[in-house]
N, C-alpha and C. Protein backbone atom coordinates (compact mmCIF):
# COMPACT_ATOMS: atom_id res chain seq x y z
N MET A 1 -55.00 27.00 -214.66
CA MET A 1 -54.22 27.68 -213.65
C MET A 1 -54.90 27.51 -212.30
N LYS A 2 -54.11 27.18 -211.31
CA LYS A 2 -54.63 27.00 -209.96
C LYS A 2 -53.88 27.94 -209.03
N ILE A 3 -54.42 29.11 -208.87
CA ILE A 3 -53.75 30.14 -208.08
C ILE A 3 -53.61 29.73 -206.62
N ILE A 4 -54.65 29.15 -206.05
CA ILE A 4 -54.59 28.78 -204.63
C ILE A 4 -53.57 27.69 -204.38
N ASP A 5 -53.60 26.63 -205.17
CA ASP A 5 -52.64 25.54 -204.99
C ASP A 5 -51.21 26.01 -205.23
N ASP A 6 -51.01 26.79 -206.29
CA ASP A 6 -49.67 27.30 -206.58
C ASP A 6 -49.22 28.27 -205.49
N SER A 7 -50.13 29.06 -204.94
CA SER A 7 -49.78 30.00 -203.88
C SER A 7 -49.32 29.26 -202.62
N LYS A 8 -49.91 28.12 -202.35
CA LYS A 8 -49.48 27.31 -201.21
C LYS A 8 -48.03 26.86 -201.40
N LYS A 9 -47.69 26.45 -202.61
CA LYS A 9 -46.31 26.03 -202.91
C LYS A 9 -45.35 27.20 -202.73
N VAL A 10 -45.74 28.36 -203.23
CA VAL A 10 -44.90 29.55 -203.11
C VAL A 10 -44.72 29.91 -201.63
N LEU A 11 -45.79 29.87 -200.86
CA LEU A 11 -45.70 30.19 -199.44
C LEU A 11 -44.76 29.24 -198.71
N LYS A 12 -44.82 27.97 -199.02
CA LYS A 12 -43.92 27.00 -198.38
C LYS A 12 -42.47 27.31 -198.71
N GLU A 13 -42.20 27.71 -199.95
CA GLU A 13 -40.83 28.08 -200.33
C GLU A 13 -40.38 29.34 -199.61
N ILE A 14 -41.27 30.30 -199.49
CA ILE A 14 -40.94 31.54 -198.77
C ILE A 14 -40.67 31.23 -197.30
N TYR A 15 -41.48 30.37 -196.71
CA TYR A 15 -41.31 30.00 -195.31
C TYR A 15 -39.94 29.36 -195.08
N GLN A 16 -39.46 28.61 -196.06
CA GLN A 16 -38.16 27.95 -195.94
C GLN A 16 -37.00 28.95 -195.87
N LEU A 17 -37.27 30.21 -196.26
CA LEU A 17 -36.23 31.24 -196.19
C LEU A 17 -35.94 31.65 -194.75
N LEU A 18 -36.88 31.36 -193.84
CA LEU A 18 -36.62 31.60 -192.41
C LEU A 18 -35.77 30.44 -191.90
N ASP A 19 -34.76 30.76 -191.11
CA ASP A 19 -33.94 29.71 -190.53
C ASP A 19 -33.53 30.08 -189.11
N ILE A 20 -32.69 29.29 -188.52
CA ILE A 20 -32.29 29.48 -187.13
C ILE A 20 -31.59 30.83 -186.93
N ASN A 21 -31.02 31.39 -187.99
CA ASN A 21 -30.30 32.66 -187.88
C ASN A 21 -31.18 33.87 -188.19
N SER A 22 -32.42 33.64 -188.51
CA SER A 22 -33.32 34.75 -188.81
C SER A 22 -33.63 35.53 -187.54
N SER A 23 -33.58 36.84 -187.65
CA SER A 23 -33.88 37.67 -186.48
C SER A 23 -35.16 38.48 -186.67
N THR A 24 -35.69 38.47 -187.89
CA THR A 24 -36.96 39.15 -188.16
C THR A 24 -37.78 38.29 -189.10
N LEU A 25 -39.03 38.66 -189.27
CA LEU A 25 -39.91 37.95 -190.21
C LEU A 25 -39.89 38.60 -191.58
N ASN A 26 -38.96 39.52 -191.79
CA ASN A 26 -38.78 40.16 -193.08
C ASN A 26 -37.81 39.32 -193.90
N VAL A 27 -38.21 38.90 -195.10
CA VAL A 27 -37.34 38.12 -195.96
C VAL A 27 -37.31 38.73 -197.35
N ASN A 28 -36.19 38.54 -198.02
CA ASN A 28 -36.07 38.93 -199.42
C ASN A 28 -36.24 37.69 -200.27
N ILE A 29 -37.25 37.72 -201.11
CA ILE A 29 -37.59 36.56 -201.92
C ILE A 29 -36.87 36.66 -203.26
N PRO A 30 -36.03 35.66 -203.58
CA PRO A 30 -35.42 35.64 -204.91
C PRO A 30 -36.44 35.05 -205.90
N ILE A 31 -37.14 35.92 -206.58
CA ILE A 31 -38.25 35.51 -207.45
C ILE A 31 -37.80 34.49 -208.49
N ASN A 32 -36.66 34.70 -209.12
CA ASN A 32 -36.19 33.80 -210.16
C ASN A 32 -35.91 32.40 -209.61
N THR A 33 -35.31 32.32 -208.43
CA THR A 33 -35.01 31.03 -207.82
C THR A 33 -36.29 30.25 -207.53
N ILE A 34 -37.26 30.91 -206.95
CA ILE A 34 -38.54 30.25 -206.66
C ILE A 34 -39.24 29.85 -207.95
N SER A 35 -39.17 30.72 -208.95
CA SER A 35 -39.78 30.43 -210.25
C SER A 35 -39.20 29.16 -210.87
N GLU A 36 -37.89 29.06 -210.85
CA GLU A 36 -37.23 27.87 -211.42
C GLU A 36 -37.51 26.62 -210.59
N LYS A 37 -37.44 26.74 -209.29
CA LYS A 37 -37.65 25.58 -208.41
C LYS A 37 -39.06 25.01 -208.54
N LEU A 38 -40.06 25.90 -208.68
CA LEU A 38 -41.45 25.46 -208.76
C LEU A 38 -41.95 25.33 -210.20
N ASP A 39 -41.07 25.61 -211.17
CA ASP A 39 -41.42 25.53 -212.59
C ASP A 39 -42.64 26.40 -212.91
N MET A 40 -42.56 27.67 -212.50
CA MET A 40 -43.61 28.66 -212.76
C MET A 40 -42.96 29.87 -213.43
N SER A 41 -43.74 30.61 -214.16
CA SER A 41 -43.23 31.84 -214.77
C SER A 41 -43.04 32.89 -213.68
N LEU A 42 -42.21 33.88 -213.96
CA LEU A 42 -42.01 34.98 -213.01
C LEU A 42 -43.32 35.69 -212.74
N GLN A 43 -44.12 35.86 -213.78
CA GLN A 43 -45.40 36.53 -213.62
C GLN A 43 -46.33 35.75 -212.71
N HIS A 44 -46.32 34.43 -212.85
CA HIS A 44 -47.22 33.60 -212.04
C HIS A 44 -46.79 33.61 -210.57
N VAL A 45 -45.48 33.57 -210.33
CA VAL A 45 -44.99 33.65 -208.94
C VAL A 45 -45.42 34.98 -208.34
N ASN A 46 -45.29 36.06 -209.10
CA ASN A 46 -45.71 37.37 -208.60
C ASN A 46 -47.21 37.39 -208.33
N LEU A 47 -48.01 36.77 -209.19
CA LEU A 47 -49.45 36.69 -208.98
C LEU A 47 -49.75 35.93 -207.68
N CYS A 48 -49.05 34.85 -207.44
CA CYS A 48 -49.24 34.08 -206.20
C CYS A 48 -48.88 34.91 -204.98
N ILE A 49 -47.78 35.66 -205.05
CA ILE A 49 -47.39 36.52 -203.94
C ILE A 49 -48.44 37.59 -203.71
N HIS A 50 -48.96 38.15 -204.78
CA HIS A 50 -50.04 39.15 -204.68
C HIS A 50 -51.24 38.53 -203.97
N TYR A 51 -51.61 37.32 -204.35
CA TYR A 51 -52.72 36.62 -203.71
C TYR A 51 -52.44 36.40 -202.21
N LEU A 52 -51.21 36.00 -201.88
CA LEU A 52 -50.86 35.75 -200.48
C LEU A 52 -50.88 37.04 -199.65
N ILE A 53 -50.54 38.15 -200.26
CA ILE A 53 -50.61 39.44 -199.57
C ILE A 53 -52.07 39.78 -199.30
N GLU A 54 -52.90 39.67 -200.31
CA GLU A 54 -54.32 40.00 -200.16
C GLU A 54 -55.03 39.05 -199.20
N SER A 55 -54.55 37.82 -199.08
CA SER A 55 -55.17 36.82 -198.21
C SER A 55 -54.70 36.91 -196.77
N GLY A 56 -53.74 37.78 -196.49
CA GLY A 56 -53.29 37.97 -195.11
C GLY A 56 -52.18 37.05 -194.66
N TYR A 57 -51.47 36.41 -195.59
CA TYR A 57 -50.35 35.56 -195.22
C TYR A 57 -49.03 36.32 -195.23
N LEU A 58 -48.95 37.31 -196.11
CA LEU A 58 -47.74 38.12 -196.27
C LEU A 58 -48.11 39.59 -196.25
N ARG A 59 -47.11 40.42 -195.99
CA ARG A 59 -47.29 41.86 -196.12
C ARG A 59 -46.14 42.38 -196.97
N GLY A 60 -46.47 43.14 -197.98
CA GLY A 60 -45.45 43.69 -198.86
C GLY A 60 -46.08 44.46 -200.00
N ASP A 61 -45.27 44.79 -200.99
CA ASP A 61 -45.81 45.54 -202.13
C ASP A 61 -46.14 44.59 -203.28
N TYR A 62 -46.92 45.12 -204.21
CA TYR A 62 -47.39 44.31 -205.33
C TYR A 62 -46.53 44.48 -206.58
N ARG A 63 -45.56 45.35 -206.51
CA ARG A 63 -44.76 45.69 -207.69
C ARG A 63 -44.16 44.44 -208.32
N PHE A 64 -44.23 44.37 -209.65
CA PHE A 64 -43.66 43.25 -210.39
C PHE A 64 -42.42 43.73 -211.11
N ASP A 65 -41.29 43.16 -210.75
CA ASP A 65 -40.01 43.52 -211.35
C ASP A 65 -39.66 42.45 -212.39
N THR A 66 -39.44 42.85 -213.63
CA THR A 66 -39.22 41.89 -214.71
C THR A 66 -37.77 41.43 -214.83
N ARG A 67 -36.88 41.97 -214.03
CA ARG A 67 -35.48 41.54 -214.11
C ARG A 67 -35.33 40.10 -213.61
N GLN A 68 -34.39 39.38 -214.19
CA GLN A 68 -34.17 37.98 -213.79
C GLN A 68 -33.62 37.87 -212.37
N ASP A 69 -32.90 38.89 -211.91
CA ASP A 69 -32.31 38.83 -210.56
C ASP A 69 -33.15 39.58 -209.53
N ALA A 70 -34.41 39.80 -209.84
CA ALA A 70 -35.29 40.58 -208.96
C ALA A 70 -35.52 39.87 -207.63
N THR A 71 -35.62 40.67 -206.58
CA THR A 71 -36.01 40.17 -205.28
C THR A 71 -37.18 41.01 -204.79
N LYS A 72 -37.95 40.45 -203.89
CA LYS A 72 -39.08 41.16 -203.32
C LYS A 72 -38.98 41.04 -201.81
N SER A 73 -39.07 42.16 -201.14
CA SER A 73 -38.99 42.18 -199.68
C SER A 73 -40.40 42.10 -199.12
N ILE A 74 -40.64 41.10 -198.28
CA ILE A 74 -41.97 40.91 -197.68
C ILE A 74 -41.81 40.54 -196.20
N PHE A 75 -42.91 40.63 -195.47
CA PHE A 75 -42.98 40.18 -194.09
C PHE A 75 -43.88 38.96 -194.05
N ILE A 76 -43.42 37.92 -193.39
CA ILE A 76 -44.24 36.73 -193.20
C ILE A 76 -45.09 36.97 -191.96
N LEU A 77 -46.39 36.88 -192.11
CA LEU A 77 -47.30 37.15 -191.01
C LEU A 77 -47.57 35.89 -190.19
N PRO A 78 -47.99 36.05 -188.93
CA PRO A 78 -48.20 34.90 -188.04
C PRO A 78 -49.11 33.82 -188.62
N ARG A 79 -50.13 34.20 -189.35
CA ARG A 79 -51.04 33.21 -189.94
C ARG A 79 -50.28 32.24 -190.85
N ALA A 80 -49.34 32.75 -191.63
CA ALA A 80 -48.57 31.90 -192.53
C ALA A 80 -47.69 30.93 -191.75
N ILE A 81 -47.05 31.42 -190.71
CA ILE A 81 -46.19 30.56 -189.89
C ILE A 81 -47.01 29.46 -189.24
N TYR A 82 -48.13 29.83 -188.68
CA TYR A 82 -49.00 28.85 -188.02
C TYR A 82 -49.42 27.75 -188.99
N GLU A 83 -49.87 28.14 -190.15
CA GLU A 83 -50.36 27.15 -191.10
C GLU A 83 -49.23 26.30 -191.68
N CYS A 84 -48.06 26.87 -191.90
CA CYS A 84 -46.92 26.08 -192.39
C CYS A 84 -46.46 25.08 -191.35
N GLU A 85 -46.33 25.53 -190.11
CA GLU A 85 -45.81 24.65 -189.06
C GLU A 85 -46.80 23.59 -188.61
N ASN A 86 -48.08 23.83 -188.80
CA ASN A 86 -49.08 22.85 -188.38
C ASN A 86 -49.63 22.03 -189.54
N GLY A 87 -48.98 22.12 -190.69
CA GLY A 87 -49.36 21.31 -191.84
C GLY A 87 -50.75 21.58 -192.37
N LEU A 88 -51.23 22.79 -192.22
CA LEU A 88 -52.59 23.11 -192.67
C LEU A 88 -52.63 23.50 -194.15
N LEU A 89 -51.48 23.62 -194.77
CA LEU A 89 -51.46 24.00 -196.20
C LEU A 89 -51.46 22.78 -197.08
């Protein structure tokens, strides 16, 4: 298991949720969609999000929802935007 590498992939997917119509840095993450797209378990995606919160890339809660249609509301912090846009990940 590579939490750091997988967390980078998850962060890039979360960053893609921001678009030209976004008015805030608050996004709702469809956990199941990201899990399927990145071929990771729901638990592993949640672990990566937890890591990203603790590392200062995201702000949100750690709660793990086991439902298939679960979403998680988080804030993308400036550090994450900077690193995504400058190819530092």
